[in-house]
């Protein structure tokens, strides 16, 4: 690949990352791959080398929120983190950990609070929610570990006010081995309730 073509591809890659971030921010798309495909189609980027990594899209999303979101973004992030703290206190018996955009700051008005909780029996989480008279839905999440190992884990979704919270349930032993982050492929960052005191909005 010539230097000129390399520069063109690099420039297009940045454009796709920015457009994908805009799509996630404005249209509520949560899936990185879908956002990148829509961005690539809109910009006519057909070369796979023009597709940015998820980490590049996340960085573009954070920058756009910083530039365009202003106080509204900061207030919403604080609200999400406050809700995360309340949900973690509710599920404190299950050693909750905050993960995802609410932890990293890469959120939009469509973002959910995502938690990892730990229990021998996933039904114990359902019992806790029923005790608190909190309606919930059961879903499933596929997580990936190093070595291409994947697992499906149950997850409970419920509302805290108008904000959706999803608590994925892992066996207790998994607290020492986080699945890979879909953004950068490294073990997912997890935060305890006590860690949230260092974040704005808690």
C-alpha atoms as a PDB file:
ATOM      1  CA  UNK A   1       0.000   0.000   0.000  1.00  0.00           C
ATOM      2  CA  UNK A   2       1.404   3.366  -1.025  1.00  0.00           C
ATOM      3  CA  UNK A   3       1.899   6.149   1.496  1.00  0.00           C
ATOM      4  CA  UNK A   4      -0.823   8.253  -0.141  1.00  0.00           C
ATOM      5  CA  UNK A   5      -3.280   5.377  -0.070  1.00  0.00           C
ATOM      6  CA  UNK A   6      -2.366   4.633   3.542  1.00  0.00           C
ATOM      7  CA  UNK A   7      -3.050   8.261   4.511  1.00  0.00           C
ATOM      8  CA  UNK A   8      -6.378   8.174   2.656  1.00  0.00           C
ATOM      9  CA  UNK A   9      -7.389   4.955   4.428  1.00  0.00           C
ATOM     10  CA  UNK A  10      -6.348   6.389   7.792  1.00  0.00           C
ATOM     11  CA  UNK A  11      -8.395   9.542   7.171  1.00  0.00           C
ATOM     12  CA  UNK A  12     -11.432   7.503   6.118  1.00  0.00           C
ATOM     13  CA  UNK A  13     -11.038   5.323   9.205  1.00  0.00           C
ATOM     14  CA  UNK A  14     -11.292   8.431  11.399  1.00  0.00           C
ATOM     15  CA  UNK A  15     -14.350   9.588   9.455  1.00  0.00           C
ATOM     16  CA  UNK A  16     -16.051   6.209   9.928  1.00  0.00           C
ATOM     17  CA  UNK A  17     -15.251   6.246  13.645  1.00  0.00           C
ATOM     18  CA  UNK A  18     -16.748   9.734  14.012  1.00  0.00           C
ATOM     19  CA  UNK A  19     -19.827   8.853  11.986  1.00  0.00           C
ATOM     20  CA  UNK A  20     -20.344   5.609  13.932  1.00  0.00           C
ATOM     21  CA  UNK A  21     -20.085   7.580  17.181  1.00  0.00           C
ATOM     22  CA  UNK A  22     -22.644  10.082  15.882  1.00  0.00           C
ATOM     23  CA  UNK A  23     -25.013   7.245  14.985  1.00  0.00           C
ATOM     24  CA  UNK A  24     -24.677   5.766  18.465  1.00  0.00           C
ATOM     25  CA  UNK A  25     -25.164   9.177  20.073  1.00  0.00           C
ATOM     26  CA  UNK A  26     -28.114  10.366  18.000  1.00  0.00           C
ATOM     27  CA  UNK A  27     -29.873   7.175  16.951  1.00  0.00           C
ATOM     28  CA  UNK A  28     -29.411   5.090  20.078  1.00  0.00           C
ATOM     29  CA  UNK A  29     -27.527   2.278  18.340  1.00  0.00           C
ATOM     30  CA  UNK A  30     -25.707   0.314  21.042  1.00  0.00           C
ATOM     31  CA  UNK A  31     -23.942  -2.291  18.916  1.00  0.00           C
ATOM     32  CA  UNK A  32     -20.521  -1.112  17.748  1.00  0.00           C
ATOM     33  CA  UNK A  33     -20.428  -3.338  14.668  1.00  0.00           C
ATOM     34  CA  UNK A  34     -23.865  -2.204  13.493  1.00  0.00           C
ATOM     35  CA  UNK A  35     -22.916   1.444  13.989  1.00  0.00           C
ATOM     36  CA  UNK A  36     -19.673   0.954  12.043  1.00  0.00           C
ATOM     37  CA  UNK A  37     -21.463  -0.813   9.185  1.00  0.00           C
ATOM     38  CA  UNK A  38     -24.049   1.953   8.928  1.00  0.00           C
ATOM     39  CA  UNK A  39     -21.294   4.576   9.007  1.00  0.00           C
ATOM     40  CA  UNK A  40     -19.212   2.763   6.385  1.00  0.00           C
ATOM     41  CA  UNK A  41     -22.230   2.443   4.091  1.00  0.00           C
ATOM     42  CA  UNK A  42     -23.058   6.125   4.436  1.00  0.00           C
ATOM     43  CA  UNK A  43     -19.464   7.164   3.693  1.00  0.00           C
ATOM     44  CA  UNK A  44     -18.892   4.608   0.947  1.00  0.00           C
ATOM     45  CA  UNK A  45     -16.066   2.907   2.827  1.00  0.00           C
ATOM     46  CA  UNK A  46     -15.814  -0.543   1.280  1.00  0.00           C
ATOM     47  CA  UNK A  47     -12.276  -1.467   2.335  1.00  0.00           C
ATOM     48  CA  UNK A  48     -12.139  -3.440   5.599  1.00  0.00           C
ATOM     49  CA  UNK A  49      -9.037  -1.452   6.518  1.00  0.00           C
ATOM     50  CA  UNK A  50     -11.294   1.601   6.709  1.00  0.00           C
ATOM     51  CA  UNK A  51     -13.300   0.107   9.564  1.00  0.00           C
ATOM     52  CA  UNK A  52     -12.068   1.451  12.923  1.00  0.00           C
ATOM     53  CA  UNK A  53     -11.748  -0.607  16.066  1.00  0.00           C
ATOM     54  CA  UNK A  54     -14.435  -0.397  18.730  1.00  0.00           C
ATOM     55  CA  UNK A  55     -11.964   1.484  20.917  1.00  0.00           C
ATOM     56  CA  UNK A  56     -11.619   4.171  18.219  1.00  0.00           C
ATOM     57  CA  UNK A  57     -15.402   4.564  18.048  1.00  0.00           C
ATOM     58  CA  UNK A  58     -15.656   4.764  21.841  1.00  0.00           C
ATOM     59  CA  UNK A  59     -12.948   7.454  21.907  1.00  0.00           C
ATOM     60  CA  UNK A  60     -14.820   9.412  19.217  1.00  0.00           C
ATOM     61  CA  UNK A  61     -18.057   9.063  21.188  1.00  0.00           C
ATOM     62  CA  UNK A  62     -16.463  10.415  24.360  1.00  0.00           C
ATOM     63  CA  UNK A  63     -14.985  13.346  22.435  1.00  0.00           C
ATOM     64  CA  UNK A  64     -18.306  14.184  20.780  1.00  0.00           C
ATOM     65  CA  UNK A  65     -20.095  14.093  24.114  1.00  0.00           C
ATOM     66  CA  UNK A  66     -17.436  16.348  25.601  1.00  0.00           C
ATOM     67  CA  UNK A  67     -17.744  18.820  22.714  1.00  0.00           C
ATOM     68  CA  UNK A  68     -21.494  18.753  22.072  1.00  0.00           C
ATOM     69  CA  UNK A  69     -23.076  17.258  25.168  1.00  0.00           C
ATOM     70  CA  UNK A  70     -21.893  19.845  27.658  1.00  0.00           C
ATOM     71  CA  UNK A  71     -23.821  20.075  30.892  1.00  0.00           C
ATOM     72  CA  UNK A  72     -26.612  17.817  29.622  1.00  0.00           C
ATOM     73  CA  UNK A  73     -24.146  14.973  29.076  1.00  0.00           C
ATOM     74  CA  UNK A  74     -22.482  15.513  32.448  1.00  0.00           C
ATOM     75  CA  UNK A  75     -25.847  15.610  34.227  1.00  0.00           C
ATOM     76  CA  UNK A  76     -27.023  12.442  32.477  1.00  0.00           C
ATOM     77  CA  UNK A  77     -23.792  10.592  33.278  1.00  0.00           C
ATOM     78  CA  UNK A  78     -24.119  11.640  36.912  1.00  0.00           C
ATOM     79  CA  UNK A  79     -27.711  10.365  36.945  1.00  0.00           C
ATOM     80  CA  UNK A  80     -26.657   7.041  35.439  1.00  0.00           C
ATOM     81  CA  UNK A  81     -23.882   6.635  37.989  1.00  0.00           C
ATOM     82  CA  UNK A  82     -26.210   7.549  40.836  1.00  0.00           C
ATOM     83  CA  UNK A  83     -28.684   4.929  39.582  1.00  0.00           C
ATOM     84  CA  UNK A  84     -25.861   2.399  39.341  1.00  0.00           C
ATOM     85  CA  UNK A  85     -24.988   3.033  42.971  1.00  0.00           C
ATOM     86  CA  UNK A  86     -28.597   2.517  44.071  1.00  0.00           C
ATOM     87  CA  UNK A  87     -28.913  -0.709  42.055  1.00  0.00           C
ATOM     88  CA  UNK A  88     -25.639  -2.022  43.480  1.00  0.00           C
ATOM     89  CA  UNK A  89     -26.857  -1.339  47.018  1.00  0.00           C
ATOM     90  CA  UNK A  90     -30.068  -3.185  46.197  1.00  0.00           C
ATOM     91  CA  UNK A  91     -28.043  -6.195  44.983  1.00  0.00           C
ATOM     92  CA  UNK A  92     -25.223  -5.906  47.529  1.00  0.00           C
ATOM     93  CA  UNK A  93     -25.600  -9.572  48.567  1.00  0.00           C
ATOM     94  CA  UNK A  94     -24.378 -10.547  45.086  1.00  0.00           C
ATOM     95  CA  UNK A  95     -21.085  -8.591  45.088  1.00  0.00           C
ATOM     96  CA  UNK A  96     -22.168  -6.289  42.219  1.00  0.00           C
ATOM     97  CA  UNK A  97     -19.667  -4.735  39.847  1.00  0.00           C
ATOM     98  CA  UNK A  98     -20.365  -1.854  37.472  1.00  0.00           C
ATOM     99  CA  UNK A  99     -19.174  -2.394  33.882  1.00  0.00           C
ATOM    100  CA  UNK A 100     -19.510  -0.727  30.498  1.00  0.00           C
ATOM    101  CA  UNK A 101     -20.142   2.820  29.388  1.00  0.00           C
ATOM    102  CA  UNK A 102     -21.530   4.122  32.680  1.00  0.00           C
ATOM    103  CA  UNK A 103     -18.171   3.251  34.218  1.00  0.00           C
ATOM    104  CA  UNK A 104     -15.993   4.540  31.365  1.00  0.00           C
ATOM    105  CA  UNK A 105     -18.104   7.601  30.566  1.00  0.00           C
ATOM    106  CA  UNK A 106     -18.947   6.519  27.007  1.00  0.00           C
ATOM    107  CA  UNK A 107     -22.701   6.997  27.344  1.00  0.00           C
ATOM    108  CA  UNK A 108     -25.570   8.464  25.379  1.00  0.00           C
ATOM    109  CA  UNK A 109     -29.131   9.288  26.395  1.00  0.00           C
ATOM    110  CA  UNK A 110     -29.994   5.703  25.402  1.00  0.00           C
ATOM    111  CA  UNK A 111     -27.438   3.975  27.657  1.00  0.00           C
ATOM    112  CA  UNK A 112     -28.344   1.373  30.278  1.00  0.00           C
ATOM    113  CA  UNK A 113     -26.641   0.620  33.571  1.00  0.00           C
ATOM    114  CA  UNK A 114     -24.809  -2.714  33.237  1.00  0.00           C
ATOM    115  CA  UNK A 115     -23.831  -4.772  36.268  1.00  0.00           C
ATOM    116  CA  UNK A 116     -22.117  -8.091  36.868  1.00  0.00           C
ATOM    117  CA  UNK A 117     -23.446  -9.932  39.912  1.00  0.00           C
ATOM    118  CA  UNK A 118     -22.408 -13.292  41.356  1.00  0.00           C
ATOM    119  CA  UNK A 119     -24.589 -16.099  42.690  1.00  0.00           C
ATOM    120  CA  UNK A 120     -24.569 -19.896  42.914  1.00  0.00           C
ATOM    121  CA  UNK A 121     -28.140 -19.864  41.615  1.00  0.00           C
ATOM    122  CA  UNK A 122     -29.254 -17.065  39.265  1.00  0.00           C
ATOM    123  CA  UNK A 123     -32.764 -17.440  40.666  1.00  0.00           C
ATOM    124  CA  UNK A 124     -31.540 -15.863  43.904  1.00  0.00           C
ATOM    125  CA  UNK A 125     -31.302 -12.541  42.063  1.00  0.00           C
ATOM    126  CA  UNK A 126     -34.892 -12.949  40.868  1.00  0.00           C
ATOM    127  CA  UNK A 127     -36.004 -13.641  44.438  1.00  0.00           C
ATOM    128  CA  UNK A 128     -34.334 -10.443  45.623  1.00  0.00           C
ATOM    129  CA  UNK A 129     -36.089  -8.402  42.937  1.00  0.00           C
ATOM    130  CA  UNK A 130     -39.437 -10.006  43.773  1.00  0.00           C
ATOM    131  CA  UNK A 131     -38.908  -9.249  47.478  1.00  0.00           C
ATOM    132  CA  UNK A 132     -38.499  -5.602  46.522  1.00  0.00           C
ATOM    133  CA  UNK A 133     -41.540  -5.822  44.224  1.00  0.00           C
ATOM    134  CA  UNK A 134     -39.447  -4.836  41.217  1.00  0.00           C
ATOM    135  CA  UNK A 135     -40.759  -6.156  37.865  1.00  0.00           C
ATOM    136  CA  UNK A 136     -38.052  -7.672  35.681  1.00  0.00           C
ATOM    137  CA  UNK A 137     -37.401  -9.437  32.395  1.00  0.00           C
ATOM    138  CA  UNK A 138     -35.030 -12.347  31.931  1.00  0.00           C
ATOM    139  CA  UNK A 139     -32.608 -12.299  29.025  1.00  0.00           C
ATOM    140  CA  UNK A 140     -29.236 -13.808  28.172  1.00  0.00           C
ATOM    141  CA  UNK A 141     -25.832 -12.362  27.380  1.00  0.00           C
ATOM    142  CA  UNK A 142     -23.006 -14.023  25.481  1.00  0.00           C
ATOM    143  CA  UNK A 143     -19.613 -13.189  26.947  1.00  0.00           C
ATOM    144  CA  UNK A 144     -16.179 -13.982  25.571  1.00  0.00           C
ATOM    145  CA  UNK A 145     -13.062 -14.929  27.485  1.00  0.00           C
ATOM    146  CA  UNK A 146      -9.440 -15.261  26.430  1.00  0.00           C
ATOM    147  CA  UNK A 147      -8.782 -18.173  24.111  1.00  0.00           C
ATOM    148  CA  UNK A 148     -12.036 -17.571  22.213  1.00  0.00           C
ATOM    149  CA  UNK A 149     -14.075 -19.294  24.948  1.00  0.00           C
ATOM    150  CA  UNK A 150     -17.636 -18.001  25.096  1.00  0.00           C
ATOM    151  CA  UNK A 151     -20.428 -18.505  27.581  1.00  0.00           C
ATOM    152  CA  UNK A 152     -24.066 -17.517  27.797  1.00  0.00           C
ATOM    153  CA  UNK A 153     -25.041 -16.019  31.141  1.00  0.00           C
ATOM    154  CA  UNK A 154     -28.532 -15.132  32.386  1.00  0.00           C
ATOM    155  CA  UNK A 155     -29.346 -11.485  32.937  1.00  0.00           C
ATOM    156  CA  UNK A 156     -32.169  -9.640  34.659  1.00  0.00           C
ATOM    157  CA  UNK A 157     -33.412  -6.331  33.303  1.00  0.00           C
ATOM    158  CA  UNK A 158     -35.450  -3.890  35.367  1.00  0.00           C
ATOM    159  CA  UNK A 159     -36.184  -0.187  35.566  1.00  0.00           C
ATOM    160  CA  UNK A 160     -34.860   2.210  38.178  1.00  0.00           C
ATOM    161  CA  UNK A 161     -37.047   5.203  37.497  1.00  0.00           C
ATOM    162  CA  UNK A 162     -36.705   5.676  33.744  1.00  0.00           C
ATOM    163  CA  UNK A 163     -33.263   4.087  33.526  1.00  0.00           C
ATOM    164  CA  UNK A 164     -32.854   0.443  32.515  1.00  0.00           C
ATOM    165  CA  UNK A 165     -30.538  -1.710  34.596  1.00  0.00           C
ATOM    166  CA  UNK A 166     -29.192  -5.055  33.416  1.00  0.00           C
ATOM    167  CA  UNK A 167     -27.617  -7.436  35.919  1.00  0.00           C
ATOM    168  CA  UNK A 168     -25.764 -10.342  34.298  1.00  0.00           C
ATOM    169  CA  UNK A 169     -25.366 -13.251  36.714  1.00  0.00           C
ATOM    170  CA  UNK A 170     -22.051 -15.109  36.916  1.00  0.00           C
ATOM    171  CA  UNK A 171     -20.984 -17.994  39.176  1.00  0.00           C
ATOM    172  CA  UNK A 172     -19.018 -16.769  42.229  1.00  0.00           C
ATOM    173  CA  UNK A 173     -15.697 -18.124  40.885  1.00  0.00           C
ATOM    174  CA  UNK A 174     -15.993 -15.781  37.895  1.00  0.00           C
ATOM    175  CA  UNK A 175     -15.455 -12.761  40.107  1.00  0.00           C
ATOM    176  CA  UNK A 176     -11.724 -13.342  39.655  1.00  0.00           C
ATOM    177  CA  UNK A 177     -11.889 -13.665  35.861  1.00  0.00           C
ATOM    178  CA  UNK A 178     -13.672 -10.929  33.956  1.00  0.00           C
ATOM    179  CA  UNK A 179     -14.821 -11.610  30.396  1.00  0.00           C
ATOM    180  CA  UNK A 180     -13.221  -9.674  27.583  1.00  0.00           C
ATOM    181  CA  UNK A 181     -14.401  -6.143  26.925  1.00  0.00           C
ATOM    182  CA  UNK A 182     -16.173  -5.795  23.547  1.00  0.00           C
ATOM    183  CA  UNK A 183     -14.440  -2.441  23.082  1.00  0.00           C
ATOM    184  CA  UNK A 184     -10.755  -3.326  23.395  1.00  0.00           C
ATOM    185  CA  UNK A 185     -10.722  -7.130  23.819  1.00  0.00           C
ATOM    186  CA  UNK A 186      -8.961  -6.966  27.188  1.00  0.00           C
ATOM    187  CA  UNK A 187     -10.440  -8.239  30.464  1.00  0.00           C
ATOM    188  CA  UNK A 188     -13.406  -6.039  31.255  1.00  0.00           C
ATOM    189  CA  UNK A 189     -12.925  -3.334  33.844  1.00  0.00           C
ATOM    190  CA  UNK A 190     -15.198  -3.866  36.854  1.00  0.00           C
ATOM    191  CA  UNK A 191     -15.877  -1.397  39.672  1.00  0.00           C
ATOM    192  CA  UNK A 192     -17.091  -2.139  43.190  1.00  0.00           C
ATOM    193  CA  UNK A 193     -19.602   0.107  44.886  1.00  0.00           C
ATOM    194  CA  UNK A 194     -16.772   1.553  46.971  1.00  0.00           C
ATOM    195  CA  UNK A 195     -14.923   2.480  43.746  1.00  0.00           C
ATOM    196  CA  UNK A 196     -17.807   4.615  42.560  1.00  0.00           C
ATOM    197  CA  UNK A 197     -17.121   7.246  45.181  1.00  0.00           C
ATOM    198  CA  UNK A 198     -14.209   8.353  42.987  1.00  0.00           C
ATOM    199  CA  UNK A 199     -16.508   8.902  40.006  1.00  0.00           C
ATOM    200  CA  UNK A 200     -18.651  12.014  39.498  1.00  0.00           C
ATOM    201  CA  UNK A 201     -22.322  11.622  40.277  1.00  0.00           C
ATOM    202  CA  UNK A 202     -22.177   9.183  43.206  1.00  0.00           C
END
